[in-house]
PDB file of N, CA and C in Angstrom:
ATOM      1  N   MET A   1      10.241  44.367-100.207  1.00  0.00           N
ATOM      2  CA  MET A   1      10.830  44.566 -98.947  1.00  0.00           C
ATOM      3  C   MET A   1      10.905  43.301 -97.947  1.00  0.00           C
ATOM      4  N   SER A   2      12.020  43.265 -97.324  1.00  0.00           N
ATOM      5  CA  SER A   2      12.608  42.158 -96.554  1.00  0.00           C
ATOM      6  C   SER A   2      12.535  42.620 -95.000  1.00  0.00           C
ATOM      7  N   ASP A   3      11.958  41.598 -94.246  1.00  0.00           N
ATOM      8  CA  ASP A   3      11.760  41.980 -92.715  1.00  0.00           C
ATOM      9  C   ASP A   3      13.077  41.332 -92.129  1.00  0.00           C
ATOM     10  N   GLU A   4      13.920  40.892 -92.883  1.00  0.00           N
ATOM     11  CA  GLU A   4      15.108  39.980 -92.445  1.00  0.00           C
ATOM     12  C   GLU A   4      16.045  40.896 -91.604  1.00  0.00           C
ATOM     13  N   LYS A   5      16.329  40.508 -90.479  1.00  0.00           N
ATOM     14  CA  LYS A   5      17.131  41.368 -89.369  1.00  0.00           C
ATOM     15  C   LYS A   5      18.658  41.170 -89.642  1.00  0.00           C
ATOM     16  N   LYS A   6      19.465  42.243 -89.663  1.00  0.00           N
ATOM     17  CA  LYS A   6      20.929  42.214 -90.132  1.00  0.00           C
ATOM     18  C   LYS A   6      21.579  42.392 -88.738  1.00  0.00           C
ATOM     19  N   ILE A   7      22.460  41.384 -88.506  1.00  0.00           N
ATOM     20  CA  ILE A   7      23.358  41.348 -87.200  1.00  0.00           C
ATOM     21  C   ILE A   7      24.761  41.355 -87.692  1.00  0.00           C
ATOM     22  N   LEU A   8      25.465  41.930 -87.017  1.00  0.00           N
ATOM     23  CA  LEU A   8      27.070  41.842 -87.081  1.00  0.00           C
ATOM     24  C   LEU A   8      27.610  41.212 -85.928  1.00  0.00           C
ATOM     25  N   VAL A   9      28.486  40.140 -86.050  1.00  0.00           N
ATOM     26  CA  VAL A   9      29.120  39.438 -85.077  1.00  0.00           C
ATOM     27  C   VAL A   9      30.667  39.985 -85.250  1.00  0.00           C
ATOM     28  N   VAL A  10      31.168  40.610 -84.118  1.00  0.00           N
ATOM     29  CA  VAL A  10      32.390  40.971 -83.761  1.00  0.00           C
ATOM     30  C   VAL A  10      33.164  40.177 -82.938  1.00  0.00           C
ATOM     31  N   GLU A  11      33.908  39.305 -83.417  1.00  0.00           N
ATOM     32  CA  GLU A  11      34.477  38.225 -82.556  1.00  0.00           C
ATOM     33  C   GLU A  11      35.852  37.682 -83.230  1.00  0.00           C
ATOM     34  N   ASP A  12      37.068  37.808 -82.452  1.00  0.00           N
ATOM     35  CA  ASP A  12      38.169  37.277 -82.901  1.00  0.00           C
ATOM     36  C   ASP A  12      38.482  35.822 -82.919  1.00  0.00           C
ATOM     37  N   GLU A  13      37.747  35.132 -82.144  1.00  0.00           N
ATOM     38  CA  GLU A  13      37.881  33.631 -82.065  1.00  0.00           C
ATOM     39  C   GLU A  13      36.819  33.075 -83.296  1.00  0.00           C
ATOM     40  N   ARG A  14      37.588  32.628 -84.243  1.00  0.00           N
ATOM     41  CA  ARG A  14      36.906  32.285 -85.501  1.00  0.00           C
ATOM     42  C   ARG A  14      35.926  31.270 -85.191  1.00  0.00           C
ATOM     43  N   PRO A  15      36.229  30.111 -84.466  1.00  0.00           N
ATOM     44  CA  PRO A  15      35.240  29.064 -84.162  1.00  0.00           C
ATOM     45  C   PRO A  15      33.917  29.599 -83.605  1.00  0.00           C
ATOM     46  N   ILE A  16      34.018  30.475 -82.776  1.00  0.00           N
ATOM     47  CA  ILE A  16      32.916  31.055 -82.046  1.00  0.00           C
ATOM     48  C   ILE A  16      32.318  31.813 -83.083  1.00  0.00           C
ATOM     49  N   ALA A  17      32.829  32.612 -83.780  1.00  0.00           N
ATOM     50  CA  ALA A  17      32.140  33.603 -84.778  1.00  0.00           C
ATOM     51  C   ALA A  17      31.398  32.731 -85.774  1.00  0.00           C
ATOM     52  N   LYS A  18      32.027  31.789 -86.202  1.00  0.00           N
ATOM     53  CA  LYS A  18      31.422  30.893 -87.311  1.00  0.00           C
ATOM     54  C   LYS A  18      30.261  30.065 -86.708  1.00  0.00           C
ATOM     55  N   ALA A  19      30.218  29.617 -85.485  1.00  0.00           N
ATOM     56  CA  ALA A  19      29.243  28.841 -84.958  1.00  0.00           C
ATOM     57  C   ALA A  19      28.075  30.003 -84.724  1.00  0.00           C
ATOM     58  N   LEU A  20      28.300  31.087 -84.223  1.00  0.00           N
ATOM     59  CA  LEU A  20      27.130  32.164 -84.036  1.00  0.00           C
ATOM     60  C   LEU A  20      26.626  32.469 -85.423  1.00  0.00           C
ATOM     61  N   GLN A  21      27.437  32.646 -86.446  1.00  0.00           N
ATOM     62  CA  GLN A  21      26.874  32.924 -87.718  1.00  0.00           C
ATOM     63  C   GLN A  21      26.004  31.906 -88.263  1.00  0.00           C
ATOM     64  N   LEU A  22      26.337  30.685 -88.098  1.00  0.00           N
ATOM     65  CA  LEU A  22      25.691  29.485 -88.638  1.00  0.00           C
ATOM     66  C   LEU A  22      24.257  29.402 -88.072  1.00  0.00           C
ATOM     67  N   LYS A  23      24.459  29.445 -86.643  1.00  0.00           N
ATOM     68  CA  LYS A  23      23.069  29.403 -85.825  1.00  0.00           C
ATOM     69  C   LYS A  23      22.038  30.571 -86.130  1.00  0.00           C
ATOM     70  N   LEU A  24      22.626  31.714 -86.232  1.00  0.00           N
ATOM     71  CA  LEU A  24      21.709  32.903 -86.369  1.00  0.00           C
ATOM     72  C   LEU A  24      21.129  32.824 -87.797  1.00  0.00           C
ATOM     73  N   THR A  25      22.037  32.406 -88.701  1.00  0.00           N
ATOM     74  CA  THR A  25      21.404  32.419 -90.242  1.00  0.00           C
ATOM     75  C   THR A  25      20.305  31.399 -90.229  1.00  0.00           C
ATOM     76  N   SER A  26      20.603  30.177 -89.509  1.00  0.00           N
ATOM     77  CA  SER A  26      19.513  29.055 -89.605  1.00  0.00           C
ATOM     78  C   SER A  26      18.247  29.517 -89.002  1.00  0.00           C
ATOM     79  N   CYS A  27      18.409  30.468 -88.109  1.00  0.00           N
ATOM     80  CA  CYS A  27      17.227  31.052 -87.501  1.00  0.00           C
ATOM     81  C   CYS A  27      16.600  32.301 -88.166  1.00  0.00           C
ATOM     82  N   GLY A  28      17.140  32.484 -89.377  1.00  0.00           N
ATOM     83  CA  GLY A  28      16.443  33.564 -90.346  1.00  0.00           C
ATOM     84  C   GLY A  28      17.040  34.939 -90.264  1.00  0.00           C
ATOM     85  N   PHE A  29      18.126  35.072 -89.412  1.00  0.00           N
ATOM     86  CA  PHE A  29      18.985  36.338 -89.465  1.00  0.00           C
ATOM     87  C   PHE A  29      19.945  36.505 -90.543  1.00  0.00           C
ATOM     88  N   SER A  30      20.217  37.666 -91.051  1.00  0.00           N
ATOM     89  CA  SER A  30      21.370  37.801 -92.012  1.00  0.00           C
ATOM     90  C   SER A  30      22.548  38.337 -90.962  1.00  0.00           C
ATOM     91  N   VAL A  31      23.716  37.647 -91.309  1.00  0.00           N
ATOM     92  CA  VAL A  31      24.695  37.832 -90.415  1.00  0.00           C
ATOM     93  C   VAL A  31      26.001  38.091 -91.094  1.00  0.00           C
ATOM     94  N   ASP A  32      26.706  39.230 -90.704  1.00  0.00           N
ATOM     95  CA  ASP A  32      28.098  39.610 -91.262  1.00  0.00           C
ATOM     96  C   ASP A  32      28.975  39.326 -90.066  1.00  0.00           C
ATOM     97  N   GLN A  33      30.198  39.165 -90.361  1.00  0.00           N
ATOM     98  CA  GLN A  33      31.320  38.962 -89.391  1.00  0.00           C
ATOM     99  C   GLN A  33      32.361  39.974 -89.500  1.00  0.00           C
ATOM    100  N   ALA A  34      32.976  40.378 -88.295  1.00  0.00           N
ATOM    101  CA  ALA A  34      34.269  41.183 -88.243  1.00  0.00           C
ATOM    102  C   ALA A  34      35.187  40.493 -87.041  1.00  0.00           C
ATOM    103  N   SER A  35      36.463  40.363 -87.558  1.00  0.00           N
ATOM    104  CA  SER A  35      37.360  39.729 -86.587  1.00  0.00           C
ATOM    105  C   SER A  35      38.113  40.618 -85.666  1.00  0.00           C
ATOM    106  N   ASN A  36      37.767  42.007 -85.719  1.00  0.00           N
ATOM    107  CA  ASN A  36      38.310  42.755 -84.566  1.00  0.00           C
ATOM    108  C   ASN A  36      37.540  44.032 -84.455  1.00  0.00           C
ATOM    109  N   GLY A  37      37.596  44.618 -83.441  1.00  0.00           N
ATOM    110  CA  GLY A  37      36.872  45.849 -83.216  1.00  0.00           C
ATOM    111  C   GLY A  37      37.131  47.025 -84.228  1.00  0.00           C
ATOM    112  N   GLU A  38      38.025  47.224 -84.762  1.00  0.00           N
ATOM    113  CA  GLU A  38      38.279  48.230 -85.790  1.00  0.00           C
ATOM    114  C   GLU A  38      37.469  48.042 -87.175  1.00  0.00           C
ATOM    115  N   GLU A  39      37.548  46.510 -87.563  1.00  0.00           N
ATOM    116  CA  GLU A  39      36.875  46.335 -88.590  1.00  0.00           C
ATOM    117  C   GLU A  39      35.469  46.215 -88.410  1.00  0.00           C
ATOM    118  N   GLY A  40      35.068  45.940 -87.258  1.00  0.00           N
ATOM    119  CA  GLY A  40      33.650  45.966 -86.940  1.00  0.00           C
ATOM    120  C   GLY A  40      32.959  47.416 -86.724  1.00  0.00           C
ATOM    121  N   LEU A  41      33.725  48.298 -86.222  1.00  0.00           N
ATOM    122  CA  LEU A  41      33.253  49.766 -86.233  1.00  0.00           C
ATOM    123  C   LEU A  41      33.121  50.327 -87.674  1.00  0.00           C
ATOM    124  N   LYS A  42      34.088  49.960 -88.530  1.00  0.00           N
ATOM    125  CA  LYS A  42      33.893  50.438 -89.988  1.00  0.00           C
ATOM    126  C   LYS A  42      32.663  49.979 -90.571  1.00  0.00           C
ATOM    127  N   MET A  43      32.469  48.625 -90.228  1.00  0.00           N
ATOM    128  CA  MET A  43      31.153  47.964 -90.749  1.00  0.00           C
ATOM    129  C   MET A  43      29.818  48.607 -90.135  1.00  0.00           C
ATOM    130  N   ILE A  44      29.893  48.850 -88.986  1.00  0.00           N
ATOM    131  CA  ILE A  44      28.736  49.315 -88.378  1.00  0.00           C
ATOM    132  C   ILE A  44      28.550  50.946 -88.874  1.00  0.00           C
ATOM    133  N   GLU A  45      29.556  51.600 -89.137  1.00  0.00           N
ATOM    134  CA  GLU A  45      29.409  52.975 -89.614  1.00  0.00           C
ATOM    135  C   GLU A  45      28.949  53.129 -91.158  1.00  0.00           C
ATOM    136  N   THR A  46      29.014  51.755 -92.004  1.00  0.00           N
ATOM    137  CA  THR A  46      28.451  51.976 -93.263  1.00  0.00           C
ATOM    138  C   THR A  46      27.509  51.011 -93.615  1.00  0.00           C
ATOM    139  N   THR A  47      27.006  50.172 -92.608  1.00  0.00           N
ATOM    140  CA  THR A  47      25.835  49.350 -92.778  1.00  0.00           C
ATOM    141  C   THR A  47      24.758  49.402 -91.674  1.00  0.00           C
ATOM    142  N   PRO A  48      23.500  49.482 -92.011  1.00  0.00           N
ATOM    143  CA  PRO A  48      22.442  49.688 -90.889  1.00  0.00           C
ATOM    144  C   PRO A  48      22.167  48.208 -90.084  1.00  0.00           C
ATOM    145  N   TYR A  49      23.031  48.003 -89.153  1.00  0.00           N
ATOM    146  CA  TYR A  49      22.658  46.656 -88.467  1.00  0.00           C
ATOM    147  C   TYR A  49      21.496  46.874 -87.457  1.00  0.00           C
ATOM    148  N   GLN A  50      20.723  45.892 -87.204  1.00  0.00           N
ATOM    149  CA  GLN A  50      19.632  45.921 -86.140  1.00  0.00           C
ATOM    150  C   GLN A  50      20.244  45.571 -84.887  1.00  0.00           C
ATOM    151  N   LEU A  51      21.406  44.790 -84.850  1.00  0.00           N
ATOM    152  CA  LEU A  51      21.983  44.352 -83.492  1.00  0.00           C
ATOM    153  C   LEU A  51      23.401  44.001 -83.883  1.00  0.00           C
ATOM    154  N   VAL A  52      24.243  44.019 -82.796  1.00  0.00           N
ATOM    155  CA  VAL A  52      25.504  43.680 -82.913  1.00  0.00           C
ATOM    156  C   VAL A  52      26.026  42.926 -81.735  1.00  0.00           C
ATOM    157  N   LEU A  53      26.568  41.677 -81.938  1.00  0.00           N
ATOM    158  CA  LEU A  53      27.244  40.880 -80.982  1.00  0.00           C
ATOM    159  C   LEU A  53      28.857  41.220 -80.772  1.00  0.00           C
ATOM    160  N   LEU A  54      29.177  41.748 -79.756  1.00  0.00           N
ATOM    161  CA  LEU A  54      30.499  42.228 -79.579  1.00  0.00           C
ATOM    162  C   LEU A  54      31.333  41.641 -78.473  1.00  0.00           C
ATOM    163  N   ASP A  55      32.448  41.033 -78.816  1.00  0.00           N
ATOM    164  CA  ASP A  55      33.491  40.539 -77.924  1.00  0.00           C
ATOM    165  C   ASP A  55      34.079  41.672 -77.149  1.00  0.00           C
ATOM    166  N   LEU A  56      34.303  41.696 -75.955  1.00  0.00           N
ATOM    167  CA  LEU A  56      35.091  42.767 -75.278  1.00  0.00           C
ATOM    168  C   LEU A  56      36.547  42.747 -75.448  1.00  0.00           C
ATOM    169  N   VAL A  57      37.135  41.419 -75.571  1.00  0.00           N
ATOM    170  CA  VAL A  57      38.504  41.295 -75.449  1.00  0.00           C
ATOM    171  C   VAL A  57      38.959  40.805 -76.831  1.00  0.00           C
ATOM    172  N   MET A  58      39.544  41.812 -77.676  1.00  0.00           N
ATOM    173  CA  MET A  58      39.955  41.635 -79.040  1.00  0.00           C
ATOM    174  C   MET A  58      41.365  42.368 -79.306  1.00  0.00           C
ATOM    175  N   PRO A  59      42.051  41.945 -80.165  1.00  0.00           N
ATOM    176  CA  PRO A  59      43.265  42.777 -80.628  1.00  0.00           C
ATOM    177  C   PRO A  59      42.648  44.069 -81.442  1.00  0.00           C
ATOM    178  N   THR A  60      43.688  45.020 -81.693  1.00  0.00           N
ATOM    179  CA  THR A  60      43.458  46.158 -82.497  1.00  0.00           C
ATOM    180  C   THR A  60      42.737  47.123 -81.718  1.00  0.00           C
ATOM    181  N   MET A  61      41.197  46.808 -81.551  1.00  0.00           N
ATOM    182  CA  MET A  61      40.326  47.575 -80.763  1.00  0.00           C
ATOM    183  C   MET A  61      39.404  46.865 -79.836  1.00  0.00           C
ATOM    184  N   THR A  62      39.526  47.088 -78.629  1.00  0.00           N
ATOM    185  CA  THR A  62      38.512  46.305 -77.768  1.00  0.00           C
ATOM    186  C   THR A  62      37.092  46.582 -77.959  1.00  0.00           C
ATOM    187  N   GLY A  63      36.334  45.650 -77.408  1.00  0.00           N
ATOM    188  CA  GLY A  63      34.932  45.995 -77.316  1.00  0.00           C
ATOM    189  C   GLY A  63      34.522  47.231 -76.559  1.00  0.00           C
ATOM    190  N   PHE A  64      35.240  47.553 -75.642  1.00  0.00           N
ATOM    191  CA  PHE A  64      34.985  48.663 -74.810  1.00  0.00           C
ATOM    192  C   PHE A  64      35.169  49.956 -75.758  1.00  0.00           C
ATOM    193  N   GLU A  65      36.228  50.019 -76.454  1.00  0.00           N
ATOM    194  CA  GLU A  65      36.745  50.867 -77.273  1.00  0.00           C
ATOM    195  C   GLU A  65      35.650  51.211 -78.482  1.00  0.00           C
ATOM    196  N   VAL A  66      35.123  50.023 -78.895  1.00  0.00           N
ATOM    197  CA  VAL A  66      34.000  50.112 -79.896  1.00  0.00           C
ATOM    198  C   VAL A  66      32.866  50.825 -79.334  1.00  0.00           C
ATOM    199  N   LEU A  67      32.412  50.429 -78.183  1.00  0.00           N
ATOM    200  CA  LEU A  67      31.385  51.203 -77.512  1.00  0.00           C
ATOM    201  C   LEU A  67      31.412  52.455 -77.332  1.00  0.00           C
ATOM    202  N   GLU A  68      32.605  52.845 -76.825  1.00  0.00           N
ATOM    203  CA  GLU A  68      32.871  54.092 -76.652  1.00  0.00           C
ATOM    204  C   GLU A  68      32.845  55.185 -77.971  1.00  0.00           C
ATOM    205  N   GLN A  69      33.254  54.549 -78.981  1.00  0.00           N
ATOM    206  CA  GLN A  69      33.379  55.211 -80.383  1.00  0.00           C
ATOM    207  C   GLN A  69      31.814  55.352 -80.803  1.00  0.00           C
ATOM    208  N   LEU A  70      30.929  54.210 -80.769  1.00  0.00           N
ATOM    209  CA  LEU A  70      29.513  54.375 -81.072  1.00  0.00           C
ATOM    210  C   LEU A  70      29.023  55.463 -80.429  1.00  0.00           C
ATOM    211  N   LYS A  71      29.276  55.527 -78.995  1.00  0.00           N
ATOM    212  CA  LYS A  71      28.580  56.461 -78.111  1.00  0.00           C
ATOM    213  C   LYS A  71      28.988  58.004 -78.516  1.00  0.00           C
ATOM    214  N   ALA A  72      30.269  58.266 -78.766  1.00  0.00           N
ATOM    215  CA  ALA A  72      30.938  59.315 -79.231  1.00  0.00           C
ATOM    216  C   ALA A  72      30.207  59.970 -80.591  1.00  0.00           C
ATOM    217  N   LYS A  73      30.109  58.965 -81.437  1.00  0.00           N
ATOM    218  CA  LYS A  73      29.554  59.175 -82.957  1.00  0.00           C
ATOM    219  C   LYS A  73      28.040  59.448 -82.978  1.00  0.00           C
ATOM    220  N   GLY A  74      27.452  58.944 -81.896  1.00  0.00           N
ATOM    221  CA  GLY A  74      25.970  59.089 -81.805  1.00  0.00           C
ATOM    222  C   GLY A  74      25.276  57.803 -82.620  1.00  0.00           C
ATOM    223  N   ILE A  75      26.021  56.748 -82.695  1.00  0.00           N
ATOM    224  CA  ILE A  75      25.496  55.551 -83.361  1.00  0.00           C
ATOM    225  C   ILE A  75      24.635  54.714 -82.495  1.00  0.00           C
ATOM    226  N   ASN A  76      23.310  54.617 -82.889  1.00  0.00           N
ATOM    227  CA  ASN A  76      22.553  53.963 -81.730  1.00  0.00           C
ATOM    228  C   ASN A  76      22.041  52.493 -82.212  1.00  0.00           C
ATOM    229  N   VAL A  77      22.757  51.577 -81.917  1.00  0.00           N
ATOM    230  CA  VAL A  77      22.370  50.238 -82.328  1.00  0.00           C
ATOM    231  C   VAL A  77      22.432  49.469 -81.124  1.00  0.00           C
ATOM    232  N   PRO A  78      21.592  48.472 -80.942  1.00  0.00           N
ATOM    233  CA  PRO A  78      21.737  47.400 -79.695  1.00  0.00           C
ATOM    234  C   PRO A  78      22.973  46.647 -79.933  1.00  0.00           C
ATOM    235  N   VAL A  79      23.412  46.591 -78.817  1.00  0.00           N
ATOM    236  CA  VAL A  79      24.769  45.690 -78.646  1.00  0.00           C
ATOM    237  C   VAL A  79      24.815  44.847 -77.428  1.00  0.00           C
ATOM    238  N   ILE A  80      24.956  43.490 -77.796  1.00  0.00           N
ATOM    239  CA  ILE A  80      25.123  42.390 -76.712  1.00  0.00           C
ATOM    240  C   ILE A  80      26.541  42.078 -76.625  1.00  0.00           C
ATOM    241  N   VAL A  81      27.039  42.275 -75.535  1.00  0.00           N
ATOM    242  CA  VAL A  81      28.552  42.057 -75.458  1.00  0.00           C
ATOM    243  C   VAL A  81      28.833  40.753 -74.829  1.00  0.00           C
ATOM    244  N   SER A  82      30.042  40.160 -75.188  1.00  0.00           N
ATOM    245  CA  SER A  82      30.451  38.858 -74.575  1.00  0.00           C
ATOM    246  C   SER A  82      31.916  38.827 -74.238  1.00  0.00           C
ATOM    247  N   SER A  83      32.269  38.063 -73.177  1.00  0.00           N
ATOM    248  CA  SER A  83      33.376  37.755 -72.738  1.00  0.00           C
ATOM    249  C   SER A  83      33.685  36.539 -72.140  1.00  0.00           C
ATOM    250  N   ASN A  84      35.011  36.208 -71.938  1.00  0.00           N
ATOM    251  CA  ASN A  84      35.150  34.960 -71.104  1.00  0.00           C
ATOM    252  C   ASN A  84      35.270  35.073 -69.706  1.00  0.00           C
ATOM    253  N   LEU A  85      35.187  36.251 -69.295  1.00  0.00           N
ATOM    254  CA  LEU A  85      35.386  36.765 -67.958  1.00  0.00           C
ATOM    255  C   LEU A  85      34.102  37.148 -67.454  1.00  0.00           C
ATOM    256  N   SER A  86      33.667  36.707 -66.265  1.00  0.00           N
ATOM    257  CA  SER A  86      32.328  36.960 -65.646  1.00  0.00           C
ATOM    258  C   SER A  86      32.672  38.057 -64.530  1.00  0.00           C
ATOM    259  N   GLN A  87      33.371  39.138 -64.892  1.00  0.00           N
ATOM    260  CA  GLN A  87      33.631  40.360 -64.056  1.00  0.00           C
ATOM    261  C   GLN A  87      32.630  41.303 -64.102  1.00  0.00           C
ATOM    262  N   ASN A  88      31.887  41.450 -62.816  1.00  0.00           N
ATOM    263  CA  ASN A  88      30.916  42.619 -62.747  1.00  0.00           C
ATOM    264  C   ASN A  88      31.371  43.945 -63.199  1.00  0.00           C
ATOM    265  N   GLU A  89      32.686  44.326 -63.046  1.00  0.00           N
ATOM    266  CA  GLU A  89      33.020  45.661 -63.310  1.00  0.00           C
ATOM    267  C   GLU A  89      33.059  45.871 -64.831  1.00  0.00           C
ATOM    268  N   ASP A  90      33.371  44.742 -65.565  1.00  0.00           N
ATOM    269  CA  ASP A  90      33.382  44.789 -67.080  1.00  0.00           C
ATOM    270  C   ASP A  90      31.799  44.907 -67.519  1.00  0.00           C
ATOM    271  N   ILE A  91      31.168  44.032 -67.162  1.00  0.00           N
ATOM    272  CA  ILE A  91      29.625  43.995 -67.348  1.00  0.00           C
ATOM    273  C   ILE A  91      29.048  45.441 -67.042  1.00  0.00           C
ATOM    274  N   ASN A  92      29.355  46.075 -66.022  1.00  0.00           N
ATOM    275  CA  ASN A  92      28.889  47.356 -65.550  1.00  0.00           C
ATOM    276  C   ASN A  92      29.293  48.451 -66.536  1.00  0.00           C
ATOM    277  N   ARG A  93      30.591  48.286 -66.885  1.00  0.00           N
ATOM    278  CA  ARG A  93      31.148  49.225 -67.791  1.00  0.00           C
ATOM    279  C   ARG A  93      30.587  49.346 -69.162  1.00  0.00           C
ATOM    280  N   ALA A  94      30.435  48.107 -69.633  1.00  0.00           N
ATOM    281  CA  ALA A  94      29.814  47.843 -71.016  1.00  0.00           C
ATOM    282  C   ALA A  94      28.365  48.513 -70.748  1.00  0.00           C
ATOM    283  N   LYS A  95      27.703  48.169 -69.872  1.00  0.00           N
ATOM    284  CA  LYS A  95      26.053  48.576 -69.743  1.00  0.00           C
ATOM    285  C   LYS A  95      26.242  50.320 -69.850  1.00  0.00           C
ATOM    286  N   ALA A  96      27.124  50.800 -69.036  1.00  0.00           N
ATOM    287  CA  ALA A  96      27.269  52.107 -68.787  1.00  0.00           C
ATOM    288  C   ALA A  96      27.620  52.870 -70.382  1.00  0.00           C
ATOM    289  N   LEU A  97      28.165  52.044 -71.077  1.00  0.00           N
ATOM    290  CA  LEU A  97      28.777  52.694 -72.496  1.00  0.00           C
ATOM    291  C   LEU A  97      27.723  52.284 -73.412  1.00  0.00           C
ATOM    292  N   GLY A  98      26.417  51.679 -72.878  1.00  0.00           N
ATOM    293  CA  GLY A  98      25.376  51.521 -73.967  1.00  0.00           C
ATOM    294  C   GLY A  98      24.930  50.071 -74.352  1.00  0.00           C
ATOM    295  N   ALA A  99      25.672  49.081 -73.780  1.00  0.00           N
ATOM    296  CA  ALA A  99      25.456  47.628 -74.230  1.00  0.00           C
ATOM    297  C   ALA A  99      24.095  47.550 -73.691  1.00  0.00           C
ATOM    298  N   VAL A 100      23.299  46.492 -74.168  1.00  0.00           N
ATOM    299  CA  VAL A 100      21.822  46.261 -73.783  1.00  0.00           C
ATOM    300  C   VAL A 100      21.787  44.743 -73.104  1.00  0.00           C
ATOM    301  N   ASP A 101      22.987  44.014 -73.303  1.00  0.00           N
ATOM    302  CA  ASP A 101      22.766  42.909 -72.625  1.00  0.00           C
ATOM    303  C   ASP A 101      24.396  42.217 -72.809  1.00  0.00           C
ATOM    304  N   TYR A 102      24.490  41.125 -72.120  1.00  0.00           N
ATOM    305  CA  TYR A 102      25.683  40.440 -72.024  1.00  0.00           C
ATOM    306  C   TYR A 102      25.696  38.850 -71.943  1.00  0.00           C
ATOM    307  N   TYR A 103      26.630  38.187 -72.351  1.00  0.00           N
ATOM    308  CA  TYR A 103      26.734  36.861 -71.992  1.00  0.00           C
ATOM    309  C   TYR A 103      28.233  36.500 -71.760  1.00  0.00           C
ATOM    310  N   ILE A 104      28.472  35.308 -70.922  1.00  0.00           N
ATOM    311  CA  ILE A 104      29.835  34.840 -70.809  1.00  0.00           C
ATOM    312  C   ILE A 104      29.881  33.563 -71.832  1.00  0.00           C
ATOM    313  N   LYS A 105      30.925  33.920 -72.717  1.00  0.00           N
ATOM    314  CA  LYS A 105      31.067  32.664 -73.695  1.00  0.00           C
ATOM    315  C   LYS A 105      31.148  31.346 -73.234  1.00  0.00           C
ATOM    316  N   SER A 106      31.983  31.074 -72.166  1.00  0.00           N
ATOM    317  CA  SER A 106      32.113  29.670 -71.552  1.00  0.00           C
ATOM    318  C   SER A 106      30.999  29.243 -71.005  1.00  0.00           C
ATOM    319  N   GLU A 107      30.199  29.954 -70.550  1.00  0.00           N
ATOM    320  CA  GLU A 107      28.829  29.638 -69.646  1.00  0.00           C
ATOM    321  C   GLU A 107      27.758  29.512 -70.436  1.00  0.00           C
ATOM    322  N   THR A 108      27.474  29.954 -71.707  1.00  0.00           N
ATOM    323  CA  THR A 108      26.185  30.370 -72.347  1.00  0.00           C
ATOM    324  C   THR A 108      26.373  29.610 -73.772  1.00  0.00           C
ATOM    325  N   PRO A 109      25.254  28.682 -73.754  1.00  0.00           N
ATOM    326  CA  PRO A 109      25.056  27.919 -75.072  1.00  0.00           C
ATOM    327  C   PRO A 109      24.486  28.844 -76.077  1.00  0.00           C
ATOM    328  N   ILE A 110      24.911  28.548 -77.501  1.00  0.00           N
ATOM    329  CA  ILE A 110      24.553  29.561 -78.504  1.00  0.00           C
ATOM    330  C   ILE A 110      22.878  29.548 -78.521  1.00  0.00           C
ATOM    331  N   SER A 111      22.116  28.565 -78.180  1.00  0.00           N
ATOM    332  CA  SER A 111      20.788  28.655 -78.152  1.00  0.00           C
ATOM    333  C   SER A 111      20.307  29.847 -77.255  1.00  0.00           C
ATOM    334  N   GLN A 112      20.889  30.116 -76.196  1.00  0.00           N
ATOM    335  CA  GLN A 112      20.543  31.078 -75.264  1.00  0.00           C
ATOM    336  C   GLN A 112      20.978  32.577 -75.815  1.00  0.00           C
ATOM    337  N   VAL A 113      22.163  32.442 -76.608  1.00  0.00           N
ATOM    338  CA  VAL A 113      22.448  33.759 -77.339  1.00  0.00           C
ATOM    339  C   VAL A 113      21.508  34.190 -78.270  1.00  0.00           C
ATOM    340  N   VAL A 114      20.955  33.197 -78.982  1.00  0.00           N
ATOM    341  CA  VAL A 114      20.036  33.393 -80.021  1.00  0.00           C
ATOM    342  C   VAL A 114      18.622  33.911 -79.343  1.00  0.00           C
ATOM    343  N   GLU A 115      18.354  33.378 -78.082  1.00  0.00           N
ATOM    344  CA  GLU A 115      17.210  34.088 -77.355  1.00  0.00           C
ATOM    345  C   GLU A 115      17.402  35.386 -77.040  1.00  0.00           C
ATOM    346  N   GLN A 116      18.563  35.619 -76.690  1.00  0.00           N
ATOM    347  CA  GLN A 116      18.904  37.260 -76.266  1.00  0.00           C
ATOM    348  C   GLN A 116      18.686  38.075 -77.513  1.00  0.00           C
ATOM    349  N   VAL A 117      19.336  37.561 -78.513  1.00  0.00           N
ATOM    350  CA  VAL A 117      19.199  38.272 -79.818  1.00  0.00           C
ATOM    351  C   VAL A 117      17.598  38.428 -80.173  1.00  0.00           C
ATOM    352  N   ARG A 118      16.844  37.369 -80.211  1.00  0.00           N
ATOM    353  CA  ARG A 118      15.338  37.551 -80.455  1.00  0.00           C
ATOM    354  C   ARG A 118      14.734  38.563 -79.420  1.00  0.00           C
ATOM    355  N   ALA A 119      15.042  38.619 -78.056  1.00  0.00           N
ATOM    356  CA  ALA A 119      14.505  39.441 -77.111  1.00  0.00           C
ATOM    357  C   ALA A 119      14.763  41.007 -77.550  1.00  0.00           C
ATOM    358  N   HIS A 120      15.907  41.129 -78.056  1.00  0.00           N
ATOM    359  CA  HIS A 120      16.122  42.600 -78.461  1.00  0.00           C
ATOM    360  C   HIS A 120      15.754  43.024 -79.764  1.00  0.00           C
ATOM    361  N   LEU A 121      15.303  42.130 -80.668  1.00  0.00           N
ATOM    362  CA  LEU A 121      15.024  42.290 -81.962  1.00  0.00           C
ATOM    363  C   LEU A 121      13.442  42.346 -82.293  1.00  0.00           C
ATOM    364  N   LEU A 122      12.901  41.295 -81.853  1.00  0.00           N
ATOM    365  CA  LEU A 122      11.545  41.074 -82.061  1.00  0.00           C
ATOM    366  C   LEU A 122      10.385  41.543 -81.127  1.00  0.00           C
ATOM    367  N   PRO A 123       9.332  42.078 -81.527  1.00  0.00           N
ATOM    368  CA  PRO A 123       8.443  42.777 -80.604  1.00  0.00           C
ATOM    369  C   PRO A 123       7.759  41.736 -79.763  1.00  0.00           C
ATOM    370  N   ALA A 124       7.667  41.969 -78.383  1.00  0.00           N
ATOM    371  CA  ALA A 124       7.011  40.837 -77.351  1.00  0.00           C
ATOM    372  C   ALA A 124       5.571  40.856 -77.783  1.00  0.00           C
TER     373      ALA A 124
END
């Protein structure tokens, strides 16, 4: 039996997705990637992830649409959303749809994202 935590990174910017995957993997997490919201939603529906890192602005299906679908389908997984924009209305909308946390990509070092992941996955 493995205690490894499985995380999905849904991010259309490949360099950011790869950097997150490398860092989280080096910290002992099992990480999958999806490059858009539609692909990410399908993966969430078929794989039991312990946490999802979700970009809000993506082609095909936005992060907001993914959150709406998760809520409508009753899929309960912690989601940390990310954006390049620090607009309070986006943050509030994401939290109203069930996001547990958020970060601004341009202002947040990957080490801080790892701390946010740990805070939501590991017991205090």
